Amino acid sequence: MRPYDRAKLLYDDPKDFYTVVDYCGTYGVIISNEDVFACVYKIHSDYILKKSYNNLDKPNTWFIYLLAGNPKSLFSLVEPAEFICFERFDKNYRLIEFNKIKRRY
C-alpha cells in the first residue's frame, strides 16, 4: 500500500484527511512519493513550548502534521530546521532536534 493510502486510512472521515492536506498545501509542504507521504509546516518552537506568539515570524521547527511511510527520505526533501515536532494522537507534542532525529534514522 502506498504511503498516501496509509495516511488516508488514519482518519475515519475522509473530509478530515483532506482538511489536513488543504491546510498543509496552503501553509506548508506536502511530500508524496513511493517512500513517504508527509504534511508539514514551519512554526517556532516557542509557540509549541510556551504558547508564545512572539517569534512566529522566525520559524525554526518543522511541525509534522501527518506522516506515513519511511521518514528517512523526508530529511533530504525538506530544508533543515532546528527542531522537528509531532504528536501521536495523544495530545502530547514531541519536540526533537532536527539533527538528532536525522542521525537516528
N, C-alpha and C. Protein backbone atom coordinates (compact mmCIF):
# COMPACT_ATOMS: atom_id res chain seq x y z
N MET A 1 0.85 -1.18 0.00
CA MET A 1 0.00 0.00 0.00
C MET A 1 0.89 1.25 0.00
N ARG A 2 0.54 2.20 -0.81
CA ARG A 2 1.30 3.45 -0.90
C ARG A 2 1.15 4.26 0.38
N PRO A 3 2.18 5.04 0.73
CA PRO A 3 2.10 5.87 1.93
C PRO A 3 0.88 6.81 1.92
N TYR A 4 0.53 7.33 0.74
CA TYR A 4 -0.64 8.21 0.64
C TYR A 4 -1.89 7.48 1.12
N ASP A 5 -2.07 6.26 0.66
CA ASP A 5 -3.25 5.47 1.04
C ASP A 5 -3.24 5.12 2.52
N ARG A 6 -2.05 4.84 3.07
CA ARG A 6 -1.95 4.54 4.50
C ARG A 6 -2.28 5.78 5.33
N ALA A 7 -1.83 6.94 4.88
CA ALA A 7 -2.13 8.19 5.59
C ALA A 7 -3.63 8.45 5.60
N LYS A 8 -4.26 8.20 4.49
CA LYS A 8 -5.70 8.43 4.38
C LYS A 8 -6.49 7.54 5.35
N LEU A 9 -5.98 6.33 5.59
CA LEU A 9 -6.66 5.39 6.49
C LEU A 9 -6.57 5.80 7.96
N LEU A 10 -5.71 6.75 8.30
CA LEU A 10 -5.60 7.21 9.68
C LEU A 10 -6.83 8.00 10.13
N TYR A 11 -7.64 8.43 9.20
CA TYR A 11 -8.81 9.25 9.50
C TYR A 11 -10.09 8.48 9.21
N ASP A 12 -11.01 8.50 10.16
CA ASP A 12 -12.30 7.84 9.97
C ASP A 12 -13.11 8.53 8.89
N ASP A 13 -13.04 9.85 8.88
CA ASP A 13 -13.79 10.63 7.90
C ASP A 13 -12.82 11.21 6.86
N PRO A 14 -12.96 10.84 5.58
CA PRO A 14 -12.05 11.36 4.55
C PRO A 14 -12.00 12.88 4.50
N LYS A 15 -13.06 13.57 4.91
CA LYS A 15 -13.06 15.03 4.92
C LYS A 15 -11.97 15.57 5.85
N ASP A 16 -11.75 14.88 6.96
CA ASP A 16 -10.70 15.31 7.90
C ASP A 16 -9.32 15.19 7.25
N PHE A 17 -9.10 14.13 6.52
CA PHE A 17 -7.83 13.94 5.81
C PHE A 17 -7.62 15.07 4.81
N TYR A 18 -8.63 15.38 4.03
CA TYR A 18 -8.49 16.43 3.03
C TYR A 18 -8.36 17.82 3.65
N THR A 19 -8.92 18.02 4.83
CA THR A 19 -8.73 19.28 5.55
C THR A 19 -7.26 19.47 5.92
N VAL A 20 -6.62 18.40 6.40
CA VAL A 20 -5.20 18.46 6.74
C VAL A 20 -4.36 18.73 5.49
N VAL A 21 -4.65 18.01 4.42
CA VAL A 21 -3.91 18.19 3.16
C VAL A 21 -4.09 19.62 2.64
N ASP A 22 -5.29 20.14 2.72
CA ASP A 22 -5.56 21.51 2.27
C ASP A 22 -4.79 22.52 3.12
N TYR A 23 -4.79 22.32 4.43
CA TYR A 23 -4.07 23.24 5.31
C TYR A 23 -2.57 23.25 5.00
N CYS A 24 -1.99 22.07 4.89
CA CYS A 24 -0.55 21.99 4.61
C CYS A 24 -0.23 22.46 3.19
N GLY A 25 -1.15 22.27 2.28
CA GLY A 25 -0.93 22.77 0.93
C GLY A 25 -0.95 24.28 0.88
N THR A 26 -1.70 24.90 1.78
CA THR A 26 -1.79 26.35 1.84
C THR A 26 -0.65 26.96 2.65
N TYR A 27 -0.33 26.37 3.80
CA TYR A 27 0.61 26.98 4.73
C TYR A 27 1.93 26.23 4.88
N GLY A 28 2.05 25.08 4.28
CA GLY A 28 3.24 24.26 4.48
C GLY A 28 3.68 23.55 3.22
N VAL A 29 4.04 22.30 3.41
CA VAL A 29 4.60 21.49 2.34
C VAL A 29 3.95 20.11 2.39
N ILE A 30 3.64 19.58 1.22
CA ILE A 30 3.16 18.21 1.10
C ILE A 30 4.20 17.44 0.32
N ILE A 31 4.62 16.32 0.87
CA ILE A 31 5.58 15.46 0.20
C ILE A 31 4.92 14.11 -0.03
N SER A 32 4.90 13.69 -1.27
CA SER A 32 4.27 12.43 -1.59
C SER A 32 5.09 11.72 -2.65
N ASN A 33 5.63 10.56 -2.29
CA ASN A 33 6.33 9.72 -3.25
C ASN A 33 6.12 8.26 -2.84
N GLU A 34 6.86 7.37 -3.42
CA GLU A 34 6.69 5.94 -3.13
C GLU A 34 7.15 5.57 -1.72
N ASP A 35 8.00 6.40 -1.10
CA ASP A 35 8.54 6.08 0.22
C ASP A 35 7.80 6.73 1.38
N VAL A 36 7.30 7.95 1.15
CA VAL A 36 6.74 8.71 2.27
C VAL A 36 5.62 9.63 1.79
N PHE A 37 4.65 9.85 2.68
CA PHE A 37 3.65 10.89 2.49
C PHE A 37 3.69 11.74 3.75
N ALA A 38 3.90 13.03 3.61
CA ALA A 38 4.00 13.92 4.77
C ALA A 38 3.34 15.25 4.49
N CYS A 39 2.65 15.75 5.50
CA CYS A 39 2.12 17.10 5.50
C CYS A 39 2.81 17.82 6.66
N VAL A 40 3.60 18.84 6.32
CA VAL A 40 4.40 19.54 7.32
C VAL A 40 4.27 21.05 7.12
N TYR A 41 4.49 21.79 8.19
CA TYR A 41 4.58 23.25 8.08
C TYR A 41 5.55 23.76 9.12
N LYS A 42 6.04 24.97 8.90
CA LYS A 42 7.02 25.56 9.82
C LYS A 42 6.32 26.44 10.86
N ILE A 43 6.88 26.39 12.06
CA ILE A 43 6.38 27.18 13.18
C ILE A 43 7.57 27.41 14.11
N HIS A 44 7.44 28.27 15.08
CA HIS A 44 8.53 28.48 16.03
C HIS A 44 8.31 27.59 17.26
N SER A 45 9.40 27.05 17.79
CA SER A 45 9.32 26.15 18.95
C SER A 45 8.73 26.83 20.18
N ASP A 46 8.89 28.15 20.31
CA ASP A 46 8.31 28.87 21.44
C ASP A 46 6.79 28.75 21.47
N TYR A 47 6.17 28.70 20.32
CA TYR A 47 4.72 28.55 20.29
C TYR A 47 4.31 27.19 20.86
N ILE A 48 5.07 26.17 20.52
CA ILE A 48 4.76 24.81 20.98
C ILE A 48 5.03 24.69 22.48
N LEU A 49 6.16 25.19 22.93
CA LEU A 49 6.56 25.02 24.32
C LEU A 49 5.88 25.99 25.28
N LYS A 50 5.71 27.25 24.84
CA LYS A 50 5.23 28.30 25.75
C LYS A 50 3.93 28.95 25.29
N LYS A 51 3.41 28.52 24.17
CA LYS A 51 2.23 29.18 23.57
C LYS A 51 2.49 30.66 23.35
N SER A 52 3.75 30.99 23.03
CA SER A 52 4.15 32.37 22.78
C SER A 52 4.03 32.69 21.29
N TYR A 53 3.44 33.81 20.99
CA TYR A 53 3.28 34.25 19.60
C TYR A 53 4.41 35.17 19.15
N ASN A 54 5.40 35.39 20.00
CA ASN A 54 6.44 36.38 19.73
C ASN A 54 7.31 36.08 18.52
N ASN A 55 7.64 34.85 18.27
CA ASN A 55 8.59 34.52 17.21
C ASN A 55 7.98 33.79 16.02
N LEU A 56 6.71 33.93 15.81
CA LEU A 56 6.08 33.20 14.71
C LEU A 56 6.61 33.62 13.35
N ASP A 57 7.20 34.81 13.28
CA ASP A 57 7.76 35.26 12.01
C ASP A 57 9.16 34.68 11.77
N LYS A 58 9.68 33.91 12.72
CA LYS A 58 11.01 33.30 12.61
C LYS A 58 10.89 31.80 12.88
N PRO A 59 10.25 31.05 12.01
CA PRO A 59 10.04 29.63 12.29
C PRO A 59 11.35 28.86 12.35
N ASN A 60 11.44 27.95 13.33
CA ASN A 60 12.63 27.13 13.49
C ASN A 60 12.30 25.64 13.65
N THR A 61 11.05 25.30 13.40
CA THR A 61 10.58 23.94 13.65
C THR A 61 9.69 23.46 12.51
N TRP A 62 9.94 22.24 12.06
CA TRP A 62 9.01 21.60 11.15
C TRP A 62 7.99 20.85 12.00
N PHE A 63 6.72 21.24 11.90
CA PHE A 63 5.65 20.51 12.58
C PHE A 63 5.13 19.47 11.61
N ILE A 64 5.27 18.22 11.97
CA ILE A 64 4.81 17.12 11.11
C ILE A 64 3.36 16.84 11.50
N TYR A 65 2.46 17.28 10.64
CA TYR A 65 1.04 17.13 10.91
C TYR A 65 0.58 15.72 10.59
N LEU A 66 1.12 15.16 9.52
CA LEU A 66 0.72 13.83 9.07
C LEU A 66 1.91 13.17 8.41
N LEU A 67 2.16 11.90 8.76
CA LEU A 67 3.30 11.18 8.19
C LEU A 67 2.94 9.72 8.05
N ALA A 68 3.23 9.17 6.88
CA ALA A 68 3.08 7.74 6.64
C ALA A 68 4.23 7.30 5.75
N GLY A 69 4.74 6.13 6.03
CA GLY A 69 5.86 5.63 5.24
C GLY A 69 7.17 5.79 5.97
N ASN A 70 8.25 5.77 5.22
CA ASN A 70 9.60 5.84 5.78
C ASN A 70 10.02 7.29 5.95
N PRO A 71 10.19 7.77 7.18
CA PRO A 71 10.54 9.17 7.39
C PRO A 71 11.96 9.52 6.96
N LYS A 72 12.79 8.53 6.72
CA LYS A 72 14.19 8.80 6.36
C LYS A 72 14.30 9.70 5.14
N SER A 73 13.50 9.46 4.12
CA SER A 73 13.59 10.28 2.92
C SER A 73 13.10 11.71 3.15
N LEU A 74 12.33 11.92 4.18
CA LEU A 74 11.83 13.25 4.50
C LEU A 74 12.96 14.23 4.79
N PHE A 75 14.02 13.75 5.43
CA PHE A 75 15.13 14.62 5.83
C PHE A 75 15.87 15.21 4.64
N SER A 76 15.87 14.51 3.55
CA SER A 76 16.55 15.06 2.37
C SER A 76 15.61 15.90 1.51
N LEU A 77 14.33 15.90 1.82
CA LEU A 77 13.36 16.62 0.99
C LEU A 77 12.93 17.96 1.57
N VAL A 78 13.21 18.20 2.84
CA VAL A 78 12.91 19.50 3.45
C VAL A 78 14.21 20.15 3.89
N GLU A 79 14.20 21.47 3.91
CA GLU A 79 15.40 22.18 4.38
C GLU A 79 15.53 21.95 5.88
N PRO A 80 16.75 21.82 6.38
CA PRO A 80 16.93 21.60 7.81
C PRO A 80 16.36 22.74 8.64
N ALA A 81 15.89 22.38 9.81
CA ALA A 81 15.41 23.35 10.79
C ALA A 81 16.05 22.99 12.12
N GLU A 82 15.81 23.78 13.12
CA GLU A 82 16.40 23.49 14.42
C GLU A 82 15.72 22.28 15.07
N PHE A 83 14.39 22.18 14.90
CA PHE A 83 13.62 21.11 15.54
C PHE A 83 12.63 20.47 14.57
N ILE A 84 12.16 19.31 14.99
CA ILE A 84 11.01 18.64 14.39
C ILE A 84 10.03 18.41 15.53
N CYS A 85 8.76 18.62 15.26
CA CYS A 85 7.73 18.41 16.27
C CYS A 85 6.63 17.54 15.67
N PHE A 86 6.07 16.67 16.52
CA PHE A 86 4.96 15.84 16.07
C PHE A 86 4.12 15.44 17.28
N GLU A 87 2.93 14.93 17.00
CA GLU A 87 2.02 14.45 18.03
C GLU A 87 1.51 13.10 17.57
N ARG A 88 1.33 12.18 18.48
CA ARG A 88 0.87 10.84 18.13
C ARG A 88 -0.55 10.59 18.61
N PHE A 89 -1.49 11.41 18.24
CA PHE A 89 -2.91 11.26 18.57
C PHE A 89 -3.17 11.18 20.08
N ASP A 90 -2.25 11.69 20.90
CA ASP A 90 -2.45 11.66 22.35
C ASP A 90 -2.37 13.05 22.97
N LYS A 91 -2.33 14.07 22.14
CA LYS A 91 -2.28 15.47 22.58
C LYS A 91 -0.96 15.86 23.23
N ASN A 92 0.06 15.01 23.18
CA ASN A 92 1.38 15.33 23.70
C ASN A 92 2.33 15.59 22.54
N TYR A 93 2.93 16.76 22.53
CA TYR A 93 3.85 17.11 21.47
C TYR A 93 5.25 16.63 21.80
N ARG A 94 5.95 16.13 20.78
CA ARG A 94 7.34 15.74 20.92
C ARG A 94 8.16 16.71 20.10
N LEU A 95 9.08 17.39 20.75
CA LEU A 95 9.95 18.35 20.09
C LEU A 95 11.36 17.79 20.16
N ILE A 96 11.95 17.49 19.01
CA ILE A 96 13.24 16.83 18.93
C ILE A 96 14.14 17.63 18.01
N GLU A 97 15.41 17.72 18.36
CA GLU A 97 16.36 18.41 17.49
C GLU A 97 16.41 17.71 16.13
N PHE A 98 16.37 18.52 15.08
CA PHE A 98 16.35 18.00 13.70
C PHE A 98 17.54 17.07 13.45
N ASN A 99 18.75 17.54 13.78
CA ASN A 99 19.94 16.74 13.51
C ASN A 99 19.99 15.46 14.34
N LYS A 100 19.46 15.51 15.54
CA LYS A 100 19.46 14.33 16.41
C LYS A 100 18.57 13.22 15.83
N ILE A 101 17.38 13.59 15.40
CA ILE A 101 16.48 12.57 14.84
C ILE A 101 16.95 12.12 13.45
N LYS A 102 17.60 13.04 12.73
CA LYS A 102 18.14 12.67 11.41
C LYS A 102 19.23 11.60 11.58
N ARG A 103 20.09 11.75 12.57
CA ARG A 103 21.14 10.75 12.83
C ARG A 103 20.53 9.40 13.23
N ARG A 104 19.42 9.46 13.95
CA ARG A 104 18.76 8.24 14.42
C ARG A 104 18.26 7.40 13.25
N TYR A 105 17.79 8.06 12.21
CA TYR A 105 17.31 7.34 11.03
C TYR A 105 18.42 7.11 10.03
